[in-house]
Amino acid sequence: MSTTAGPDRTLRRIGPFEVPAIGLGCMNLSHAYGVPPTPEAAEQLLRTALDEGLTLLASAALCGFGANEELLRRTRLAATP
């Protein structure tokens, strides 16, 4: 089942959750796939994604051994008025 979440934003049901069909995989912001960006560049990328309406940010504890979650937390706190 798909519903709409704003202009051109499709939601998909995964179990009891409705999540956007488009998301941002964040593993490469802390490690893997070569040299990660600087923390400032990674935060800017995340802020831009949030500003554009992206709400699904995929991360896991293995992404930089917690560094990724810390990056997401810092970025979220900085975006909170």
Protein backbone atom coordinates (compact mmCIF):
# COMPACT_ATOMS: atom_id res chain seq x y z
CA MET A 1 0.00 0.00 0.00
CA SER A 2 1.34 3.44 -0.93
CA THR A 3 0.00 6.81 0.16
CA THR A 4 1.21 10.32 -0.48
CA ALA A 5 3.27 12.39 1.96
CA GLY A 6 3.35 15.77 0.28
CA PRO A 7 4.38 16.58 -3.28
CA ASP A 8 6.06 13.58 -4.89
CA ARG A 9 6.60 11.90 -1.52
CA THR A 10 5.41 8.31 -1.49
CA LEU A 11 5.04 6.39 1.76
CA ARG A 12 5.43 2.62 2.03
CA ARG A 13 4.15 0.41 4.80
CA ILE A 14 6.79 -1.72 6.52
CA GLY A 15 5.10 -3.72 9.24
CA PRO A 16 3.16 -1.23 11.36
CA PHE A 17 5.16 1.76 10.08
CA GLU A 18 4.69 4.08 7.13
CA VAL A 19 8.05 5.32 5.87
CA PRO A 20 9.13 7.40 2.89
CA ALA A 21 10.06 5.46 -0.24
CA ILE A 22 13.16 7.67 -0.60
CA GLY A 23 15.75 7.96 2.15
CA LEU A 24 19.40 8.79 2.72
CA GLY A 25 21.86 6.07 3.68
CA CYS A 26 24.26 7.68 6.14
CA MET A 27 26.94 5.00 6.65
CA ASN A 28 29.45 6.74 4.40
CA LEU A 29 29.24 9.89 6.54
CA SER A 30 31.24 8.21 9.32
CA HIS A 31 33.13 5.36 7.65
CA ALA A 32 33.24 2.99 4.68
CA TYR A 33 33.40 3.73 0.96
CA GLY A 34 36.70 5.59 1.24
CA VAL A 35 37.53 8.63 3.31
CA PRO A 36 34.43 10.09 5.00
CA PRO A 37 33.65 13.79 4.66
CA THR A 38 34.62 16.18 7.42
CA PRO A 39 32.06 16.40 10.24
CA GLU A 40 31.16 19.91 9.06
CA ALA A 41 30.53 18.73 5.50
CA ALA A 42 28.51 15.74 6.74
CA GLU A 43 26.37 17.99 8.96
CA GLN A 44 25.78 20.36 6.04
CA LEU A 45 24.68 17.47 3.83
CA LEU A 46 22.24 16.29 6.50
CA ARG A 47 20.89 19.82 7.05
CA THR A 48 20.33 20.18 3.30
CA ALA A 49 18.53 16.82 3.18
CA LEU A 50 16.30 17.86 6.10
CA ASP A 51 15.65 21.27 4.52
CA GLU A 52 14.56 19.51 1.33
CA GLY A 53 12.03 17.47 3.32
CA LEU A 54 13.88 14.17 3.56
CA THR A 55 12.81 12.38 6.74
CA LEU A 56 14.22 8.86 6.40
CA LEU A 57 17.89 8.84 7.46
CA ALA A 58 19.23 5.29 7.56
CA SER A 59 21.93 4.50 10.11
CA ALA A 60 23.02 1.71 12.43
CA ALA A 61 25.27 1.23 15.43
CA LEU A 62 27.94 -0.31 13.21
CA CYS A 63 28.25 2.92 11.22
CA GLY A 64 31.44 4.31 12.70
CA PHE A 65 30.81 2.49 15.98
CA GLY A 66 28.27 5.08 17.13
CA ALA A 67 29.88 8.07 15.39
CA ASN A 68 27.05 8.16 12.85
CA GLU A 69 24.34 8.39 15.50
CA GLU A 70 26.31 11.16 17.24
CA LEU A 71 26.52 13.02 13.91
CA LEU A 72 22.75 12.68 13.43
CA ARG A 73 22.13 13.85 17.01
CA ARG A 74 24.36 16.92 16.63
CA THR A 75 22.75 17.82 13.33
CA ARG A 76 19.23 17.39 14.75
CA LEU A 77 20.04 19.51 17.82
CA ALA A 78 21.53 22.24 15.62
CA ALA A 79 18.35 22.28 13.52
CA THR A 80 16.04 22.56 16.53
CA PRO A 81 14.92 26.15 17.20
